[in-house]
């Protein structure tokens, strides 16, 4: 396909199912994410901003009339009793009241955490205000990267990595742990919104006993392909997904900053077969048709 005669690559029949935008902590607007996804020749994407679906309408509008399929999604932070996990919800009904309330609580918790982080930064003798953090967030749910950007704007640090290394990372003076919902609560909300729950970037922590436990608590699948996964890890996750009857997903975890790292790639830098995206959608549709969810 030559999009509007500008020499873009042919569609690859592949998908990137883990993308972020300015609706959370990404650097690109949802419309720009769509534009670059089309330029990359992707057939499908999922917008999975942290604790919000605010960017989904813009992404859907930007993709309207094109060959790009946008799956509505969200990335949720949860606890399973052994630390923080991230859960990707796909094919979510954004107008679901239970989901809306859940995301509102998550946003409020993020704001409270942000204020405490700023207070701890102040105790380090650094004058950064919460209003500066809000400006950096530009209406998105507040996270540590927005505090890092405020530190950079104030000339305290030069990079986000430096801000985390000096102040915001685990064990640093301004670190504040998250108040998280349980995975049981999150999977119930995803199911109520007609969606599918996927464990994000489990790396080599995804043992069979852990996955069996999480499946019993509502997990539907695994993100097997991710920048942080080595070849052996990916193959083991695929094996476990097949053995346990779990769906498979994957994606670049792109945040639009253009920098490849151990945890992020550019849009389309990690791709999965379209069959995986179609399986997600079919699973959600079957669940809804059975009245199990929204």
C-alpha atoms as a PDB file:
ATOM      1  CA  UNK A   1       0.000   0.000   0.000  1.00  0.00           C
ATOM      2  CA  UNK A   2       1.269   3.475  -0.913  1.00  0.00           C
ATOM      3  CA  UNK A   3      -0.473   5.797   1.533  1.00  0.00           C
ATOM      4  CA  UNK A   4      -1.528   8.916  -0.385  1.00  0.00           C
ATOM      5  CA  UNK A   5       1.290   8.346  -2.881  1.00  0.00           C
ATOM      6  CA  UNK A   6       4.093   9.259  -0.477  1.00  0.00           C
ATOM      7  CA  UNK A   7       6.020   6.021  -0.744  1.00  0.00           C
ATOM      8  CA  UNK A   8       5.160   4.424   2.575  1.00  0.00           C
ATOM      9  CA  UNK A   9       5.941   0.722   3.003  1.00  0.00           C
ATOM     10  CA  UNK A  10       3.387  -1.959   2.263  1.00  0.00           C
ATOM     11  CA  UNK A  11       1.335  -3.255   5.155  1.00  0.00           C
ATOM     12  CA  UNK A  12       3.196  -5.995   6.950  1.00  0.00           C
ATOM     13  CA  UNK A  13       0.176  -7.799   8.404  1.00  0.00           C
ATOM     14  CA  UNK A  14       1.709  -7.237  11.829  1.00  0.00           C
ATOM     15  CA  UNK A  15       0.685  -5.400  14.976  1.00  0.00           C
ATOM     16  CA  UNK A  16       2.234  -3.395  17.798  1.00  0.00           C
ATOM     17  CA  UNK A  17      -0.006  -3.917  20.816  1.00  0.00           C
ATOM     18  CA  UNK A  18       1.766  -1.811  23.446  1.00  0.00           C
ATOM     19  CA  UNK A  19       1.979   1.935  22.770  1.00  0.00           C
ATOM     20  CA  UNK A  20       1.858   5.100  24.891  1.00  0.00           C
ATOM     21  CA  UNK A  21       0.938   8.689  24.092  1.00  0.00           C
ATOM     22  CA  UNK A  22       0.714  12.096  25.740  1.00  0.00           C
ATOM     23  CA  UNK A  23      -2.490  10.853  27.360  1.00  0.00           C
ATOM     24  CA  UNK A  24      -0.108   9.315  29.936  1.00  0.00           C
ATOM     25  CA  UNK A  25       3.696   9.480  29.837  1.00  0.00           C
ATOM     26  CA  UNK A  26       4.382   9.336  26.098  1.00  0.00           C
ATOM     27  CA  UNK A  27       5.916  12.117  24.021  1.00  0.00           C
ATOM     28  CA  UNK A  28       3.546  11.892  21.026  1.00  0.00           C
ATOM     29  CA  UNK A  29      -0.134  12.717  20.728  1.00  0.00           C
ATOM     30  CA  UNK A  30      -2.464   9.797  19.990  1.00  0.00           C
ATOM     31  CA  UNK A  31      -2.913  11.120  16.442  1.00  0.00           C
ATOM     32  CA  UNK A  32       0.843  11.213  15.957  1.00  0.00           C
ATOM     33  CA  UNK A  33       1.127   7.661  17.271  1.00  0.00           C
ATOM     34  CA  UNK A  34      -1.363   6.617  14.601  1.00  0.00           C
ATOM     35  CA  UNK A  35       0.502   8.528  11.900  1.00  0.00           C
ATOM     36  CA  UNK A  36       3.819   6.870  12.752  1.00  0.00           C
ATOM     37  CA  UNK A  37       2.181   3.461  13.050  1.00  0.00           C
ATOM     38  CA  UNK A  38       0.856   3.854   9.511  1.00  0.00           C
ATOM     39  CA  UNK A  39       4.263   5.039   8.333  1.00  0.00           C
ATOM     40  CA  UNK A  40       5.772   1.914   9.907  1.00  0.00           C
ATOM     41  CA  UNK A  41       3.379  -0.201   7.834  1.00  0.00           C
ATOM     42  CA  UNK A  42       1.535  -1.692  10.785  1.00  0.00           C
ATOM     43  CA  UNK A  43      -1.880  -3.266  10.292  1.00  0.00           C
ATOM     44  CA  UNK A  44      -3.005  -2.856  13.914  1.00  0.00           C
ATOM     45  CA  UNK A  45      -1.991  -1.083  17.092  1.00  0.00           C
ATOM     46  CA  UNK A  46      -3.237  -0.865  20.660  1.00  0.00           C
ATOM     47  CA  UNK A  47      -3.038   2.393  22.573  1.00  0.00           C
ATOM     48  CA  UNK A  48      -2.296   1.329  26.155  1.00  0.00           C
ATOM     49  CA  UNK A  49      -1.701   4.465  28.198  1.00  0.00           C
ATOM     50  CA  UNK A  50      -1.191   4.183  31.939  1.00  0.00           C
ATOM     51  CA  UNK A  51      -4.428   4.255  33.946  1.00  0.00           C
ATOM     52  CA  UNK A  52      -6.350   6.179  31.280  1.00  0.00           C
ATOM     53  CA  UNK A  53      -8.191   5.713  28.008  1.00  0.00           C
ATOM     54  CA  UNK A  54      -8.367   9.446  27.322  1.00  0.00           C
ATOM     55  CA  UNK A  55      -6.257   9.139  24.178  1.00  0.00           C
ATOM     56  CA  UNK A  56      -8.325   6.402  22.538  1.00  0.00           C
ATOM     57  CA  UNK A  57     -10.984   8.619  20.886  1.00  0.00           C
ATOM     58  CA  UNK A  58      -8.304  10.740  19.209  1.00  0.00           C
ATOM     59  CA  UNK A  59      -6.456   7.635  18.011  1.00  0.00           C
ATOM     60  CA  UNK A  60      -9.653   6.131  16.605  1.00  0.00           C
ATOM     61  CA  UNK A  61     -10.509   9.372  14.825  1.00  0.00           C
ATOM     62  CA  UNK A  62      -6.998   9.642  13.389  1.00  0.00           C
ATOM     63  CA  UNK A  63      -7.211   6.089  12.039  1.00  0.00           C
ATOM     64  CA  UNK A  64     -10.729   6.455  10.613  1.00  0.00           C
ATOM     65  CA  UNK A  65     -10.839   5.767   6.903  1.00  0.00           C
ATOM     66  CA  UNK A  66      -7.409   4.114   6.876  1.00  0.00           C
ATOM     67  CA  UNK A  67      -6.355   0.474   6.894  1.00  0.00           C
ATOM     68  CA  UNK A  68      -5.022   0.744  10.459  1.00  0.00           C
ATOM     69  CA  UNK A  69      -7.006  -1.043  13.156  1.00  0.00           C
ATOM     70  CA  UNK A  70      -6.818   0.565  16.612  1.00  0.00           C
ATOM     71  CA  UNK A  71      -7.591  -1.654  19.603  1.00  0.00           C
ATOM     72  CA  UNK A  72      -8.702   0.366  22.656  1.00  0.00           C
ATOM     73  CA  UNK A  73      -6.560  -0.481  25.641  1.00  0.00           C
ATOM     74  CA  UNK A  74      -5.033   0.608  28.920  1.00  0.00           C
ATOM     75  CA  UNK A  75      -2.087  -0.373  31.129  1.00  0.00           C
ATOM     76  CA  UNK A  76      -2.951  -0.814  34.805  1.00  0.00           C
ATOM     77  CA  UNK A  77      -0.587  -1.047  37.758  1.00  0.00           C
ATOM     78  CA  UNK A  78      -1.642  -3.757  40.215  1.00  0.00           C
ATOM     79  CA  UNK A  79      -0.358  -5.879  43.050  1.00  0.00           C
ATOM     80  CA  UNK A  80      -0.563  -9.646  43.262  1.00  0.00           C
ATOM     81  CA  UNK A  81       0.799  -9.912  46.792  1.00  0.00           C
ATOM     82  CA  UNK A  82       4.422 -10.130  45.673  1.00  0.00           C
ATOM     83  CA  UNK A  83       5.090  -6.647  44.368  1.00  0.00           C
ATOM     84  CA  UNK A  84       3.883  -4.523  41.476  1.00  0.00           C
ATOM     85  CA  UNK A  85       2.705  -6.019  38.202  1.00  0.00           C
ATOM     86  CA  UNK A  86       1.389  -4.321  35.084  1.00  0.00           C
ATOM     87  CA  UNK A  87      -1.787  -5.492  33.421  1.00  0.00           C
ATOM     88  CA  UNK A  88      -2.732  -4.651  29.843  1.00  0.00           C
ATOM     89  CA  UNK A  89      -6.459  -4.434  29.203  1.00  0.00           C
ATOM     90  CA  UNK A  90      -7.618  -4.741  25.587  1.00  0.00           C
ATOM     91  CA  UNK A  91     -10.930  -4.204  23.786  1.00  0.00           C
ATOM     92  CA  UNK A  92     -12.253  -2.192  26.700  1.00  0.00           C
ATOM     93  CA  UNK A  93     -15.585  -0.369  26.568  1.00  0.00           C
ATOM     94  CA  UNK A  94     -14.468   3.136  27.517  1.00  0.00           C
ATOM     95  CA  UNK A  95     -17.993   4.119  28.582  1.00  0.00           C
ATOM     96  CA  UNK A  96     -18.217   1.344  31.175  1.00  0.00           C
ATOM     97  CA  UNK A  97     -19.054   2.992  34.525  1.00  0.00           C
ATOM     98  CA  UNK A  98     -17.092   0.513  36.636  1.00  0.00           C
ATOM     99  CA  UNK A  99     -13.983   1.021  34.512  1.00  0.00           C
ATOM    100  CA  UNK A 100     -14.414   4.787  34.652  1.00  0.00           C
ATOM    101  CA  UNK A 101     -14.576   4.765  38.450  1.00  0.00           C
ATOM    102  CA  UNK A 102     -11.558   2.468  38.647  1.00  0.00           C
ATOM    103  CA  UNK A 103      -9.484   4.796  36.448  1.00  0.00           C
ATOM    104  CA  UNK A 104     -10.633   7.850  38.404  1.00  0.00           C
ATOM    105  CA  UNK A 105      -9.374   6.241  41.619  1.00  0.00           C
ATOM    106  CA  UNK A 106      -6.076   5.398  39.953  1.00  0.00           C
ATOM    107  CA  UNK A 107      -5.676   8.977  38.740  1.00  0.00           C
ATOM    108  CA  UNK A 108      -6.415  10.342  42.226  1.00  0.00           C
ATOM    109  CA  UNK A 109      -3.870   7.952  43.732  1.00  0.00           C
ATOM    110  CA  UNK A 110      -1.299   9.124  41.187  1.00  0.00           C
ATOM    111  CA  UNK A 111      -1.919  12.747  42.138  1.00  0.00           C
ATOM    112  CA  UNK A 112      -1.544  11.984  45.837  1.00  0.00           C
ATOM    113  CA  UNK A 113       1.687  10.125  45.172  1.00  0.00           C
ATOM    114  CA  UNK A 114       2.960  12.983  43.007  1.00  0.00           C
ATOM    115  CA  UNK A 115       2.346  15.485  45.783  1.00  0.00           C
ATOM    116  CA  UNK A 116       4.223  13.314  48.283  1.00  0.00           C
ATOM    117  CA  UNK A 117       7.138  12.912  45.857  1.00  0.00           C
ATOM    118  CA  UNK A 118       7.335  16.700  45.449  1.00  0.00           C
ATOM    119  CA  UNK A 119       7.317  17.075  49.259  1.00  0.00           C
ATOM    120  CA  UNK A 120      10.205  14.622  49.539  1.00  0.00           C
ATOM    121  CA  UNK A 121      12.109  16.413  46.781  1.00  0.00           C
ATOM    122  CA  UNK A 122      11.640  19.632  48.795  1.00  0.00           C
ATOM    123  CA  UNK A 123      13.128  17.911  51.848  1.00  0.00           C
ATOM    124  CA  UNK A 124      16.223  17.341  49.721  1.00  0.00           C
ATOM    125  CA  UNK A 125      16.509  21.117  49.381  1.00  0.00           C
ATOM    126  CA  UNK A 126      15.141  21.203  45.819  1.00  0.00           C
ATOM    127  CA  UNK A 127      12.528  23.846  44.970  1.00  0.00           C
ATOM    128  CA  UNK A 128      10.148  22.129  42.539  1.00  0.00           C
ATOM    129  CA  UNK A 129       6.426  22.809  42.817  1.00  0.00           C
ATOM    130  CA  UNK A 130       3.525  20.477  42.163  1.00  0.00           C
ATOM    131  CA  UNK A 131       2.240  23.049  39.660  1.00  0.00           C
ATOM    132  CA  UNK A 132       5.399  22.450  37.620  1.00  0.00           C
ATOM    133  CA  UNK A 133       4.672  18.722  37.676  1.00  0.00           C
ATOM    134  CA  UNK A 134       1.095  19.364  36.548  1.00  0.00           C
ATOM    135  CA  UNK A 135       2.368  21.455  33.643  1.00  0.00           C
ATOM    136  CA  UNK A 136       4.706  18.634  32.647  1.00  0.00           C
ATOM    137  CA  UNK A 137       1.811  16.166  32.794  1.00  0.00           C
ATOM    138  CA  UNK A 138      -0.398  18.431  30.646  1.00  0.00           C
ATOM    139  CA  UNK A 139      -3.580  16.819  31.928  1.00  0.00           C
ATOM    140  CA  UNK A 140      -2.329  13.216  31.867  1.00  0.00           C
ATOM    141  CA  UNK A 141      -2.368  11.017  34.998  1.00  0.00           C
ATOM    142  CA  UNK A 142       0.707  12.048  36.964  1.00  0.00           C
ATOM    143  CA  UNK A 143       3.711   9.746  37.129  1.00  0.00           C
ATOM    144  CA  UNK A 144       7.351   9.938  38.127  1.00  0.00           C
ATOM    145  CA  UNK A 145       8.436  10.890  34.571  1.00  0.00           C
ATOM    146  CA  UNK A 146       6.463  14.124  34.955  1.00  0.00           C
ATOM    147  CA  UNK A 147       8.325  14.918  38.191  1.00  0.00           C
ATOM    148  CA  UNK A 148      11.541  14.144  36.333  1.00  0.00           C
ATOM    149  CA  UNK A 149      10.579  16.613  33.598  1.00  0.00           C
ATOM    150  CA  UNK A 150       9.911  19.277  36.236  1.00  0.00           C
ATOM    151  CA  UNK A 151      13.368  18.629  37.704  1.00  0.00           C
ATOM    152  CA  UNK A 152      14.881  19.018  34.236  1.00  0.00           C
ATOM    153  CA  UNK A 153      12.930  22.242  33.596  1.00  0.00           C
ATOM    154  CA  UNK A 154      14.244  23.602  36.899  1.00  0.00           C
ATOM    155  CA  UNK A 155      17.830  22.790  35.932  1.00  0.00           C
ATOM    156  CA  UNK A 156      18.222  20.285  38.772  1.00  0.00           C
ATOM    157  CA  UNK A 157      18.915  17.322  36.505  1.00  0.00           C
ATOM    158  CA  UNK A 158      19.795  16.997  32.839  1.00  0.00           C
ATOM    159  CA  UNK A 159      17.949  13.804  31.949  1.00  0.00           C
ATOM    160  CA  UNK A 160      15.080  11.641  33.150  1.00  0.00           C
ATOM    161  CA  UNK A 161      17.549   8.853  33.945  1.00  0.00           C
ATOM    162  CA  UNK A 162      19.528  11.221  36.156  1.00  0.00           C
ATOM    163  CA  UNK A 163      16.345  12.311  37.955  1.00  0.00           C
ATOM    164  CA  UNK A 164      15.502   8.677  38.712  1.00  0.00           C
ATOM    165  CA  UNK A 165      19.066   7.842  39.731  1.00  0.00           C
ATOM    166  CA  UNK A 166      19.319  10.777  42.138  1.00  0.00           C
ATOM    167  CA  UNK A 167      15.779  11.213  43.464  1.00  0.00           C
ATOM    168  CA  UNK A 168      12.908   9.143  42.078  1.00  0.00           C
ATOM    169  CA  UNK A 169      14.053   5.546  41.712  1.00  0.00           C
ATOM    170  CA  UNK A 170      13.380   2.812  44.246  1.00  0.00           C
ATOM    171  CA  UNK A 171      15.540   3.396  47.318  1.00  0.00           C
ATOM    172  CA  UNK A 172      16.209   7.047  46.410  1.00  0.00           C
ATOM    173  CA  UNK A 173      15.240   9.919  48.750  1.00  0.00           C
ATOM    174  CA  UNK A 174      12.056  10.965  46.917  1.00  0.00           C
ATOM    175  CA  UNK A 175      10.769   7.495  46.085  1.00  0.00           C
ATOM    176  CA  UNK A 176       7.161   6.869  47.135  1.00  0.00           C
ATOM    177  CA  UNK A 177       5.600   3.418  46.673  1.00  0.00           C
ATOM    178  CA  UNK A 178       2.305   3.197  44.821  1.00  0.00           C
ATOM    179  CA  UNK A 179      -1.033   2.422  46.413  1.00  0.00           C
ATOM    180  CA  UNK A 180      -2.214  -0.303  44.080  1.00  0.00           C
ATOM    181  CA  UNK A 181      -5.403  -2.268  43.466  1.00  0.00           C
ATOM    182  CA  UNK A 182      -5.133  -6.039  43.515  1.00  0.00           C
ATOM    183  CA  UNK A 183      -4.942  -8.017  40.295  1.00  0.00           C
ATOM    184  CA  UNK A 184      -8.290  -9.573  41.263  1.00  0.00           C
ATOM    185  CA  UNK A 185      -9.891  -6.119  41.322  1.00  0.00           C
ATOM    186  CA  UNK A 186      -8.279  -5.115  38.030  1.00  0.00           C
ATOM    187  CA  UNK A 187      -9.193  -8.268  36.111  1.00  0.00           C
ATOM    188  CA  UNK A 188     -12.775  -7.964  37.386  1.00  0.00           C
ATOM    189  CA  UNK A 189     -12.966  -4.402  36.060  1.00  0.00           C
ATOM    190  CA  UNK A 190     -11.480  -5.407  32.708  1.00  0.00           C
ATOM    191  CA  UNK A 191     -13.996  -8.230  32.428  1.00  0.00           C
ATOM    192  CA  UNK A 192     -16.855  -5.874  33.370  1.00  0.00           C
ATOM    193  CA  UNK A 193     -15.723  -3.574  30.553  1.00  0.00           C
ATOM    194  CA  UNK A 194     -15.840  -6.464  28.103  1.00  0.00           C
ATOM    195  CA  UNK A 195     -12.080  -6.677  27.828  1.00  0.00           C
ATOM    196  CA  UNK A 196      -9.158  -9.062  28.029  1.00  0.00           C
ATOM    197  CA  UNK A 197      -6.484  -9.042  30.774  1.00  0.00           C
ATOM    198  CA  UNK A 198      -2.850  -9.579  29.746  1.00  0.00           C
ATOM    199  CA  UNK A 199       0.208  -9.677  32.004  1.00  0.00           C
ATOM    200  CA  UNK A 200       2.653  -7.065  30.692  1.00  0.00           C
ATOM    201  CA  UNK A 201       6.392  -7.701  30.240  1.00  0.00           C
ATOM    202  CA  UNK A 202       6.717 -10.508  32.808  1.00  0.00           C
ATOM    203  CA  UNK A 203      10.328 -11.198  31.770  1.00  0.00           C
ATOM    204  CA  UNK A 204      11.710 -14.316  33.465  1.00  0.00           C
ATOM    205  CA  UNK A 205       9.489 -13.974  36.552  1.00  0.00           C
ATOM    206  CA  UNK A 206       6.584 -15.789  34.889  1.00  0.00           C
ATOM    207  CA  UNK A 207       6.854 -19.272  36.334  1.00  0.00           C
ATOM    208  CA  UNK A 208       4.161 -21.848  35.753  1.00  0.00           C
ATOM    209  CA  UNK A 209       2.892 -21.732  39.377  1.00  0.00           C
ATOM    210  CA  UNK A 210       2.669 -17.925  39.235  1.00  0.00           C
ATOM    211  CA  UNK A 211       0.776 -17.968  35.962  1.00  0.00           C
ATOM    212  CA  UNK A 212      -1.589 -20.675  37.171  1.00  0.00           C
ATOM    213  CA  UNK A 213      -2.322 -18.511  40.206  1.00  0.00           C
ATOM    214  CA  UNK A 214      -2.889 -15.393  38.107  1.00  0.00           C
ATOM    215  CA  UNK A 215      -5.082 -17.257  35.625  1.00  0.00           C
ATOM    216  CA  UNK A 216      -7.265 -18.373  38.525  1.00  0.00           C
ATOM    217  CA  UNK A 217      -7.537 -14.688  39.450  1.00  0.00           C
ATOM    218  CA  UNK A 218      -8.727 -13.580  36.016  1.00  0.00           C
ATOM    219  CA  UNK A 219      -5.638 -13.382  33.808  1.00  0.00           C
ATOM    220  CA  UNK A 220      -6.327 -14.161  30.134  1.00  0.00           C
ATOM    221  CA  UNK A 221      -2.885 -13.962  28.563  1.00  0.00           C
ATOM    222  CA  UNK A 222       0.771 -12.960  28.463  1.00  0.00           C
ATOM    223  CA  UNK A 223       2.820 -10.321  26.715  1.00  0.00           C
ATOM    224  CA  UNK A 224       5.425 -12.692  25.330  1.00  0.00           C
ATOM    225  CA  UNK A 225       7.203 -10.292  22.939  1.00  0.00           C
ATOM    226  CA  UNK A 226       8.686  -7.137  24.477  1.00  0.00           C
ATOM    227  CA  UNK A 227      11.977  -5.201  24.235  1.00  0.00           C
ATOM    228  CA  UNK A 228      13.002  -6.478  27.675  1.00  0.00           C
ATOM    229  CA  UNK A 229      12.551 -10.133  26.682  1.00  0.00           C
ATOM    230  CA  UNK A 230      15.500 -12.092  25.359  1.00  0.00           C
ATOM    231  CA  UNK A 231      14.965 -14.849  22.811  1.00  0.00           C
ATOM    232  CA  UNK A 232      15.048 -17.635  25.433  1.00  0.00           C
ATOM    233  CA  UNK A 233      12.588 -15.720  27.657  1.00  0.00           C
ATOM    234  CA  UNK A 234      10.210 -15.170  24.752  1.00  0.00           C
ATOM    235  CA  UNK A 235      10.319 -18.842  23.778  1.00  0.00           C
ATOM    236  CA  UNK A 236       9.647 -19.929  27.367  1.00  0.00           C
ATOM    237  CA  UNK A 237       6.729 -17.519  27.675  1.00  0.00           C
ATOM    238  CA  UNK A 238       5.257 -18.833  24.433  1.00  0.00           C
ATOM    239  CA  UNK A 239       5.620 -22.369  25.732  1.00  0.00           C
ATOM    240  CA  UNK A 240       3.899 -21.506  29.000  1.00  0.00           C
ATOM    241  CA  UNK A 241       1.110 -19.636  27.213  1.00  0.00           C
ATOM    242  CA  UNK A 242       0.448 -22.668  25.050  1.00  0.00           C
ATOM    243  CA  UNK A 243       0.562 -25.070  27.975  1.00  0.00           C
ATOM    244  CA  UNK A 244      -1.787 -22.989  30.120  1.00  0.00           C
ATOM    245  CA  UNK A 245      -4.169 -21.880  27.364  1.00  0.00           C
ATOM    246  CA  UNK A 246      -3.282 -18.189  27.632  1.00  0.00           C
ATOM    247  CA  UNK A 247      -3.495 -15.600  24.863  1.00  0.00           C
ATOM    248  CA  UNK A 248      -0.265 -14.074  23.541  1.00  0.00           C
ATOM    249  CA  UNK A 249       0.505 -10.417  22.807  1.00  0.00           C
ATOM    250  CA  UNK A 250       3.512  -8.201  22.353  1.00  0.00           C
ATOM    251  CA  UNK A 251       4.663  -4.758  21.390  1.00  0.00           C
ATOM    252  CA  UNK A 252       7.309  -2.079  21.445  1.00  0.00           C
ATOM    253  CA  UNK A 253       6.193  -0.275  24.626  1.00  0.00           C
ATOM    254  CA  UNK A 254       7.002   2.850  22.608  1.00  0.00           C
ATOM    255  CA  UNK A 255       6.798   6.161  24.436  1.00  0.00           C
ATOM    256  CA  UNK A 256       7.569   8.273  21.378  1.00  0.00           C
ATOM    257  CA  UNK A 257      10.889   9.663  22.569  1.00  0.00           C
ATOM    258  CA  UNK A 258      12.766   8.023  19.711  1.00  0.00           C
ATOM    259  CA  UNK A 259      15.233   6.341  22.026  1.00  0.00           C
ATOM    260  CA  UNK A 260      15.574   2.567  22.032  1.00  0.00           C
ATOM    261  CA  UNK A 261      16.349   1.038  25.403  1.00  0.00           C
ATOM    262  CA  UNK A 262      16.098  -2.204  27.295  1.00  0.00           C
ATOM    263  CA  UNK A 263      12.416  -1.490  27.912  1.00  0.00           C
ATOM    264  CA  UNK A 264      11.243   0.630  24.950  1.00  0.00           C
ATOM    265  CA  UNK A 265      11.530   0.621  21.170  1.00  0.00           C
ATOM    266  CA  UNK A 266      10.219   2.938  18.459  1.00  0.00           C
ATOM    267  CA  UNK A 267       6.681   2.427  17.167  1.00  0.00           C
ATOM    268  CA  UNK A 268       6.688  -0.835  15.250  1.00  0.00           C
ATOM    269  CA  UNK A 269      10.108  -1.759  16.653  1.00  0.00           C
ATOM    270  CA  UNK A 270       8.556  -4.887  18.167  1.00  0.00           C
ATOM    271  CA  UNK A 271       5.793  -6.565  16.149  1.00  0.00           C
ATOM    272  CA  UNK A 272       3.503  -9.532  16.541  1.00  0.00           C
ATOM    273  CA  UNK A 273       1.393 -11.460  14.028  1.00  0.00           C
ATOM    274  CA  UNK A 274      -2.022 -10.036  13.233  1.00  0.00           C
ATOM    275  CA  UNK A 275      -3.422 -13.399  14.305  1.00  0.00           C
ATOM    276  CA  UNK A 276      -2.549 -12.485  17.895  1.00  0.00           C
ATOM    277  CA  UNK A 277      -4.526  -9.232  17.700  1.00  0.00           C
ATOM    278  CA  UNK A 278      -7.430 -11.039  16.070  1.00  0.00           C
ATOM    279  CA  UNK A 279      -7.387 -13.689  18.801  1.00  0.00           C
ATOM    280  CA  UNK A 280      -7.668 -10.943  21.451  1.00  0.00           C
ATOM    281  CA  UNK A 281     -10.627  -9.404  19.693  1.00  0.00           C
ATOM    282  CA  UNK A 282     -12.331 -12.748  19.147  1.00  0.00           C
ATOM    283  CA  UNK A 283     -11.852 -13.729  22.785  1.00  0.00           C
ATOM    284  CA  UNK A 284     -13.400 -10.449  23.934  1.00  0.00           C
ATOM    285  CA  UNK A 285     -16.282 -10.768  21.459  1.00  0.00           C
ATOM    286  CA  UNK A 286     -17.021 -14.318  22.576  1.00  0.00           C
ATOM    287  CA  UNK A 287     -16.958 -13.224  26.213  1.00  0.00           C
ATOM    288  CA  UNK A 288     -19.402 -10.410  25.527  1.00  0.00           C
ATOM    289  CA  UNK A 289     -21.704 -12.621  23.472  1.00  0.00           C
ATOM    290  CA  UNK A 290     -21.862 -15.040  26.382  1.00  0.00           C
ATOM    291  CA  UNK A 291     -22.827 -12.173  28.686  1.00  0.00           C
ATOM    292  CA  UNK A 292     -19.569 -12.548  30.603  1.00  0.00           C
ATOM    293  CA  UNK A 293     -18.549  -8.922  30.937  1.00  0.00           C
ATOM    294  CA  UNK A 294     -19.954  -5.674  29.577  1.00  0.00           C
END
